[in-house]
Amino acid sequence: MLAARDDGLFRAWLFAFALGAGFGIHLAGIGITGGQPGPLFRIAWGGVVGLSAALVLGTLGGSLGLGLKRLATK
């Protein structure tokens, strides 16, 4: 819906990154490290998860929204 409203993927990528980064920071290191991870690891892990979510979910969802909008306007 964001991509269709704005005619671009930037906002879809931004929202997907924020969602993924927040999720990554919250669950950083669970099952990966033995102890409680430090803030630097949490921020780095949140960035990796956020970037992955933005690339996959933002691109697919944004492309789908733009495609549906263009099909509906024809």
PDB file of N, CA and C in Angstrom:
ATOM      1  N   MET A   1       0.828  -1.194   0.000  1.00  0.00           N
ATOM      2  CA  MET A   1       0.000   0.000   0.000  1.00  0.00           C
ATOM      3  C   MET A   1       0.870   1.255   0.000  1.00  0.00           C
ATOM      4  N   LEU A   2       1.987   1.199   0.716  1.00  0.00           N
ATOM      5  CA  LEU A   2       2.867   2.364   0.759  1.00  0.00           C
ATOM      6  C   LEU A   2       3.483   2.649  -0.595  1.00  0.00           C
ATOM      7  N   ALA A   3       3.941   1.609  -1.267  1.00  0.00           N
ATOM      8  CA  ALA A   3       4.574   1.791  -2.570  1.00  0.00           C
ATOM      9  C   ALA A   3       3.561   2.273  -3.597  1.00  0.00           C
ATOM     10  N   ALA A   4       2.349   1.765  -3.538  1.00  0.00           N
ATOM     11  CA  ALA A   4       1.324   2.185  -4.480  1.00  0.00           C
ATOM     12  C   ALA A   4       0.922   3.641  -4.233  1.00  0.00           C
ATOM     13  N   ARG A   5       0.890   4.036  -2.980  1.00  0.00           N
ATOM     14  CA  ARG A   5       0.509   5.412  -2.648  1.00  0.00           C
ATOM     15  C   ARG A   5       1.578   6.409  -3.064  1.00  0.00           C
ATOM     16  N   ASP A   6       2.851   6.048  -2.890  1.00  0.00           N
ATOM     17  CA  ASP A   6       3.948   6.973  -3.159  1.00  0.00           C
ATOM     18  C   ASP A   6       4.578   6.795  -4.534  1.00  0.00           C
ATOM     19  N   ASP A   7       4.176   5.785  -5.295  1.00  0.00           N
ATOM     20  CA  ASP A   7       4.772   5.465  -6.595  1.00  0.00           C
ATOM     21  C   ASP A   7       6.263   5.202  -6.492  1.00  0.00           C
ATOM     22  N   GLY A   8       6.677   4.557  -5.438  1.00  0.00           N
ATOM     23  CA  GLY A   8       8.090   4.221  -5.262  1.00  0.00           C
ATOM     24  C   GLY A   8       8.275   3.222  -4.137  1.00  0.00           C
ATOM     25  N   LEU A   9       9.466   2.666  -4.068  1.00  0.00           N
ATOM     26  CA  LEU A   9       9.753   1.628  -3.077  1.00  0.00           C
ATOM     27  C   LEU A   9      10.414   2.158  -1.814  1.00  0.00           C
ATOM     28  N   PHE A  10      10.807   3.429  -1.794  1.00  0.00           N
ATOM     29  CA  PHE A  10      11.594   3.927  -0.666  1.00  0.00           C
ATOM     30  C   PHE A  10      10.874   3.745   0.665  1.00  0.00           C
ATOM     31  N   ARG A  11       9.644   4.158   0.754  1.00  0.00           N
ATOM     32  CA  ARG A  11       8.926   4.065   2.025  1.00  0.00           C
ATOM     33  C   ARG A  11       8.643   2.606   2.405  1.00  0.00           C
ATOM     34  N   ALA A  12       8.385   1.752   1.427  1.00  0.00           N
ATOM     35  CA  ALA A  12       8.193   0.325   1.721  1.00  0.00           C
ATOM     36  C   ALA A  12       9.480  -0.268   2.276  1.00  0.00           C
ATOM     37  N   TRP A  13      10.631   0.097   1.689  1.00  0.00           N
ATOM     38  CA  TRP A  13      11.911  -0.381   2.209  1.00  0.00           C
ATOM     39  C   TRP A  13      12.151   0.154   3.608  1.00  0.00           C
ATOM     40  N   LEU A  14      11.847   1.420   3.838  1.00  0.00           N
ATOM     41  CA  LEU A  14      12.071   2.044   5.143  1.00  0.00           C
ATOM     42  C   LEU A  14      11.246   1.365   6.238  1.00  0.00           C
ATOM     43  N   PHE A  15       9.977   1.120   5.978  1.00  0.00           N
ATOM     44  CA  PHE A  15       9.127   0.486   6.977  1.00  0.00           C
ATOM     45  C   PHE A  15       9.536  -0.964   7.211  1.00  0.00           C
ATOM     46  N   ALA A  16       9.908  -1.676   6.159  1.00  0.00           N
ATOM     47  CA  ALA A  16      10.359  -3.062   6.327  1.00  0.00           C
ATOM     48  C   ALA A  16      11.676  -3.106   7.106  1.00  0.00           C
ATOM     49  N   PHE A  17      12.575  -2.144   6.844  1.00  0.00           N
ATOM     50  CA  PHE A  17      13.823  -2.088   7.592  1.00  0.00           C
ATOM     51  C   PHE A  17      13.557  -1.809   9.070  1.00  0.00           C
ATOM     52  N   ALA A  18      12.689  -0.845   9.360  1.00  0.00           N
ATOM     53  CA  ALA A  18      12.389  -0.507  10.755  1.00  0.00           C
ATOM     54  C   ALA A  18      11.769  -1.694  11.490  1.00  0.00           C
ATOM     55  N   LEU A  19      10.860  -2.393  10.835  1.00  0.00           N
ATOM     56  CA  LEU A  19      10.244  -3.568  11.446  1.00  0.00           C
ATOM     57  C   LEU A  19      11.282  -4.653  11.712  1.00  0.00           C
ATOM     58  N   GLY A  20      12.109  -4.949  10.720  1.00  0.00           N
ATOM     59  CA  GLY A  20      13.127  -5.979  10.882  1.00  0.00           C
ATOM     60  C   GLY A  20      14.197  -5.605  11.891  1.00  0.00           C
ATOM     61  N   ALA A  21      14.620  -4.347  11.882  1.00  0.00           N
ATOM     62  CA  ALA A  21      15.654  -3.902  12.825  1.00  0.00           C
ATOM     63  C   ALA A  21      15.142  -3.952  14.260  1.00  0.00           C
ATOM     64  N   GLY A  22      13.928  -3.528  14.481  1.00  0.00           N
ATOM     65  CA  GLY A  22      13.353  -3.598  15.819  1.00  0.00           C
ATOM     66  C   GLY A  22      13.232  -5.027  16.307  1.00  0.00           C
ATOM     67  N   PHE A  23      12.795  -5.902  15.435  1.00  0.00           N
ATOM     68  CA  PHE A  23      12.693  -7.319  15.774  1.00  0.00           C
ATOM     69  C   PHE A  23      14.074  -7.908  16.037  1.00  0.00           C
ATOM     70  N   GLY A  24      15.060  -7.540  15.218  1.00  0.00           N
ATOM     71  CA  GLY A  24      16.414  -8.045  15.385  1.00  0.00           C
ATOM     72  C   GLY A  24      17.072  -7.569  16.664  1.00  0.00           C
ATOM     73  N   ILE A  25      16.867  -6.302  17.013  1.00  0.00           N
ATOM     74  CA  ILE A  25      17.440  -5.766  18.252  1.00  0.00           C
ATOM     75  C   ILE A  25      16.798  -6.431  19.466  1.00  0.00           C
ATOM     76  N   HIS A  26      15.502  -6.646  19.388  1.00  0.00           N
ATOM     77  CA  HIS A  26      14.797  -7.240  20.516  1.00  0.00           C
ATOM     78  C   HIS A  26      15.230  -8.691  20.756  1.00  0.00           C
ATOM     79  N   LEU A  27      15.414  -9.447  19.692  1.00  0.00           N
ATOM     80  CA  LEU A  27      15.754 -10.860  19.830  1.00  0.00           C
ATOM     81  C   LEU A  27      17.211 -11.147  19.482  1.00  0.00           C
ATOM     82  N   ALA A  28      18.071 -10.173  19.577  1.00  0.00           N
ATOM     83  CA  ALA A  28      19.469 -10.317  19.156  1.00  0.00           C
ATOM     84  C   ALA A  28      20.181 -11.388  19.954  1.00  0.00           C
ATOM     85  N   GLY A  29      20.745 -12.337  19.252  1.00  0.00           N
ATOM     86  CA  GLY A  29      21.622 -13.309  19.869  1.00  0.00           C
ATOM     87  C   GLY A  29      20.956 -14.465  20.568  1.00  0.00           C
ATOM     88  N   ILE A  30      19.629 -14.531  20.563  1.00  0.00           N
ATOM     89  CA  ILE A  30      18.966 -15.650  21.228  1.00  0.00           C
ATOM     90  C   ILE A  30      19.287 -16.919  20.450  1.00  0.00           C
ATOM     91  N   GLY A  31      19.946 -17.842  21.076  1.00  0.00           N
ATOM     92  CA  GLY A  31      20.330 -19.093  20.451  1.00  0.00           C
ATOM     93  C   GLY A  31      21.656 -19.015  19.702  1.00  0.00           C
ATOM     94  N   ILE A  32      22.221 -17.826  19.548  1.00  0.00           N
ATOM     95  CA  ILE A  32      23.495 -17.679  18.842  1.00  0.00           C
ATOM     96  C   ILE A  32      24.638 -17.596  19.839  1.00  0.00           C
ATOM     97  N   THR A  33      24.443 -16.799  20.874  1.00  0.00           N
ATOM     98  CA  THR A  33      25.484 -16.628  21.884  1.00  0.00           C
ATOM     99  C   THR A  33      25.036 -17.279  23.183  1.00  0.00           C
ATOM    100  N   GLY A  34      26.006 -17.581  24.042  1.00  0.00           N
ATOM    101  CA  GLY A  34      25.676 -18.218  25.304  1.00  0.00           C
ATOM    102  C   GLY A  34      25.119 -17.254  26.332  1.00  0.00           C
ATOM    103  N   GLY A  35      25.626 -16.023  26.337  1.00  0.00           N
ATOM    104  CA  GLY A  35      25.191 -15.045  27.330  1.00  0.00           C
ATOM    105  C   GLY A  35      24.358 -13.944  26.711  1.00  0.00           C
ATOM    106  N   GLN A  36      24.136 -12.927  27.491  1.00  0.00           N
ATOM    107  CA  GLN A  36      23.394 -11.760  27.025  1.00  0.00           C
ATOM    108  C   GLN A  36      24.294 -10.925  26.117  1.00  0.00           C
ATOM    109  N   PRO A  37      23.899 -10.672  24.873  1.00  0.00           N
ATOM    110  CA  PRO A  37      24.753  -9.912  23.962  1.00  0.00           C
ATOM    111  C   PRO A  37      24.818  -8.437  24.351  1.00  0.00           C
ATOM    112  N   GLY A  38      25.931  -7.815  23.983  1.00  0.00           N
ATOM    113  CA  GLY A  38      26.122  -6.402  24.276  1.00  0.00           C
ATOM    114  C   GLY A  38      25.393  -5.504  23.295  1.00  0.00           C
ATOM    115  N   PRO A  39      25.388  -4.204  23.563  1.00  0.00           N
ATOM    116  CA  PRO A  39      24.656  -3.264  22.715  1.00  0.00           C
ATOM    117  C   PRO A  39      25.203  -3.182  21.284  1.00  0.00           C
ATOM    118  N   LEU A  40      26.508  -3.316  21.117  1.00  0.00           N
ATOM    119  CA  LEU A  40      27.083  -3.249  19.772  1.00  0.00           C
ATOM    120  C   LEU A  40      26.609  -4.432  18.921  1.00  0.00           C
ATOM    121  N   PHE A  41      26.588  -5.625  19.514  1.00  0.00           N
ATOM    122  CA  PHE A  41      26.098  -6.789  18.790  1.00  0.00           C
ATOM    123  C   PHE A  41      24.616  -6.634  18.454  1.00  0.00           C
ATOM    124  N   ARG A  42      23.841  -6.117  19.395  1.00  0.00           N
ATOM    125  CA  ARG A  42      22.408  -5.929  19.160  1.00  0.00           C
ATOM    126  C   ARG A  42      22.157  -4.963  18.010  1.00  0.00           C
ATOM    127  N   ILE A  43      22.909  -3.868  17.961  1.00  0.00           N
ATOM    128  CA  ILE A  43      22.732  -2.891  16.881  1.00  0.00           C
ATOM    129  C   ILE A  43      23.157  -3.482  15.543  1.00  0.00           C
ATOM    130  N   ALA A  44      24.282  -4.181  15.525  1.00  0.00           N
ATOM    131  CA  ALA A  44      24.749  -4.810  14.287  1.00  0.00           C
ATOM    132  C   ALA A  44      23.763  -5.873  13.807  1.00  0.00           C
ATOM    133  N   TRP A  45      23.284  -6.703  14.719  1.00  0.00           N
ATOM    134  CA  TRP A  45      22.342  -7.749  14.365  1.00  0.00           C
ATOM    135  C   TRP A  45      21.026  -7.142  13.877  1.00  0.00           C
ATOM    136  N   GLY A  46      20.579  -6.079  14.528  1.00  0.00           N
ATOM    137  CA  GLY A  46      19.367  -5.388  14.079  1.00  0.00           C
ATOM    138  C   GLY A  46      19.536  -4.822  12.678  1.00  0.00           C
ATOM    139  N   GLY A  47      20.728  -4.297  12.367  1.00  0.00           N
ATOM    140  CA  GLY A  47      20.992  -3.788  11.024  1.00  0.00           C
ATOM    141  C   GLY A  47      20.959  -4.886   9.975  1.00  0.00           C
ATOM    142  N   VAL A  48      21.536  -6.032  10.296  1.00  0.00           N
ATOM    143  CA  VAL A  48      21.541  -7.155   9.356  1.00  0.00           C
ATOM    144  C   VAL A  48      20.123  -7.671   9.117  1.00  0.00           C
ATOM    145  N   VAL A  49      19.379  -7.860  10.182  1.00  0.00           N
ATOM    146  CA  VAL A  49      18.003  -8.352  10.049  1.00  0.00           C
ATOM    147  C   VAL A  49      17.139  -7.306   9.345  1.00  0.00           C
ATOM    148  N   GLY A  50      17.323  -6.030   9.682  1.00  0.00           N
ATOM    149  CA  GLY A  50      16.551  -4.969   9.033  1.00  0.00           C
ATOM    150  C   GLY A  50      16.844  -4.860   7.547  1.00  0.00           C
ATOM    151  N   LEU A  51      18.116  -4.954   7.180  1.00  0.00           N
ATOM    152  CA  LEU A  51      18.479  -4.887   5.770  1.00  0.00           C
ATOM    153  C   LEU A  51      17.916  -6.085   5.002  1.00  0.00           C
ATOM    154  N   SER A  52      17.978  -7.244   5.603  1.00  0.00           N
ATOM    155  CA  SER A  52      17.409  -8.436   4.958  1.00  0.00           C
ATOM    156  C   SER A  52      15.903  -8.290   4.762  1.00  0.00           C
ATOM    157  N   ALA A  53      15.228  -7.805   5.778  1.00  0.00           N
ATOM    158  CA  ALA A  53      13.777  -7.618   5.678  1.00  0.00           C
ATOM    159  C   ALA A  53      13.429  -6.565   4.632  1.00  0.00           C
ATOM    160  N   ALA A  54      14.213  -5.489   4.576  1.00  0.00           N
ATOM    161  CA  ALA A  54      13.940  -4.441   3.596  1.00  0.00           C
ATOM    162  C   ALA A  54      14.144  -4.961   2.179  1.00  0.00           C
ATOM    163  N   LEU A  55      15.205  -5.718   1.977  1.00  0.00           N
ATOM    164  CA  LEU A  55      15.468  -6.231   0.630  1.00  0.00           C
ATOM    165  C   LEU A  55      14.412  -7.238   0.191  1.00  0.00           C
ATOM    166  N   VAL A  56      14.012  -8.121   1.076  1.00  0.00           N
ATOM    167  CA  VAL A  56      13.063  -9.162   0.691  1.00  0.00           C
ATOM    168  C   VAL A  56      11.625  -8.650   0.763  1.00  0.00           C
ATOM    169  N   LEU A  57      11.182  -8.265   1.947  1.00  0.00           N
ATOM    170  CA  LEU A  57       9.784  -7.870   2.124  1.00  0.00           C
ATOM    171  C   LEU A  57       9.459  -6.538   1.461  1.00  0.00           C
ATOM    172  N   GLY A  58      10.367  -5.572   1.595  1.00  0.00           N
ATOM    173  CA  GLY A  58      10.124  -4.259   0.991  1.00  0.00           C
ATOM    174  C   GLY A  58      10.068  -4.324  -0.518  1.00  0.00           C
ATOM    175  N   THR A  59      10.985  -5.073  -1.115  1.00  0.00           N
ATOM    176  CA  THR A  59      11.010  -5.167  -2.571  1.00  0.00           C
ATOM    177  C   THR A  59       9.817  -5.964  -3.094  1.00  0.00           C
ATOM    178  N   LEU A  60       9.551  -7.128  -2.507  1.00  0.00           N
ATOM    179  CA  LEU A  60       8.431  -7.939  -2.984  1.00  0.00           C
ATOM    180  C   LEU A  60       7.086  -7.258  -2.748  1.00  0.00           C
ATOM    181  N   GLY A  61       6.885  -6.770  -1.542  1.00  0.00           N
ATOM    182  CA  GLY A  61       5.620  -6.105  -1.239  1.00  0.00           C
ATOM    183  C   GLY A  61       5.434  -4.820  -2.020  1.00  0.00           C
ATOM    184  N   GLY A  62       6.507  -4.048  -2.143  1.00  0.00           N
ATOM    185  CA  GLY A  62       6.429  -2.802  -2.905  1.00  0.00           C
ATOM    186  C   GLY A  62       6.184  -3.048  -4.373  1.00  0.00           C
ATOM    187  N   SER A  63       6.842  -4.032  -4.934  1.00  0.00           N
ATOM    188  CA  SER A  63       6.637  -4.358  -6.350  1.00  0.00           C
ATOM    189  C   SER A  63       5.219  -4.861  -6.601  1.00  0.00           C
ATOM    190  N   LEU A  64       4.723  -5.658  -5.681  1.00  0.00           N
ATOM    191  CA  LEU A  64       3.350  -6.142  -5.808  1.00  0.00           C
ATOM    192  C   LEU A  64       2.355  -4.976  -5.743  1.00  0.00           C
ATOM    193  N   GLY A  65       2.561  -4.065  -4.814  1.00  0.00           N
ATOM    194  CA  GLY A  65       1.673  -2.903  -4.704  1.00  0.00           C
ATOM    195  C   GLY A  65       1.726  -2.012  -5.935  1.00  0.00           C
ATOM    196  N   LEU A  66       2.927  -1.754  -6.449  1.00  0.00           N
ATOM    197  CA  LEU A  66       3.040  -0.934  -7.659  1.00  0.00           C
ATOM    198  C   LEU A  66       2.422  -1.630  -8.862  1.00  0.00           C
ATOM    199  N   GLY A  67       2.634  -2.943  -8.960  1.00  0.00           N
ATOM    200  CA  GLY A  67       2.049  -3.687 -10.073  1.00  0.00           C
ATOM    201  C   GLY A  67       0.533  -3.692 -10.046  1.00  0.00           C
ATOM    202  N   LEU A  68      -0.034  -3.898  -8.863  1.00  0.00           N
ATOM    203  CA  LEU A  68      -1.492  -3.883  -8.747  1.00  0.00           C
ATOM    204  C   LEU A  68      -2.062  -2.505  -9.052  1.00  0.00           C
ATOM    205  N   LYS A  69      -1.378  -1.458  -8.621  1.00  0.00           N
ATOM    206  CA  LYS A  69      -1.856  -0.104  -8.895  1.00  0.00           C
ATOM    207  C   LYS A  69      -1.838   0.173 -10.394  1.00  0.00           C
ATOM    208  N   ARG A  70      -0.768  -0.241 -11.061  1.00  0.00           N
ATOM    209  CA  ARG A  70      -0.670  -0.002 -12.501  1.00  0.00           C
ATOM    210  C   ARG A  70      -1.677  -0.825 -13.283  1.00  0.00           C
ATOM    211  N   LEU A  71      -1.968  -2.040 -12.798  1.00  0.00           N
ATOM    212  CA  LEU A  71      -3.000  -2.845 -13.463  1.00  0.00           C
ATOM    213  C   LEU A  71      -4.392  -2.251 -13.265  1.00  0.00           C
ATOM    214  N   ALA A  72      -4.632  -1.687 -12.084  1.00  0.00           N
ATOM    215  CA  ALA A  72      -5.942  -1.123 -11.780  1.00  0.00           C
ATOM    216  C   ALA A  72      -6.197   0.172 -12.546  1.00  0.00           C
ATOM    217  N   THR A  73      -5.159   0.909 -12.891  1.00  0.00           N
ATOM    218  CA  THR A  73      -5.346   2.192 -13.581  1.00  0.00           C
ATOM    219  C   THR A  73      -5.482   2.038 -15.089  1.00  0.00           C
ATOM    220  N   LYS A  74      -5.241   0.840 -15.606  1.00  0.00           N
ATOM    221  CA  LYS A  74      -5.368   0.631 -17.065  1.00  0.00           C
ATOM    222  C   LYS A  74      -6.766   0.352 -17.473  1.00  0.00           C
TER     223      LYS A  74
END
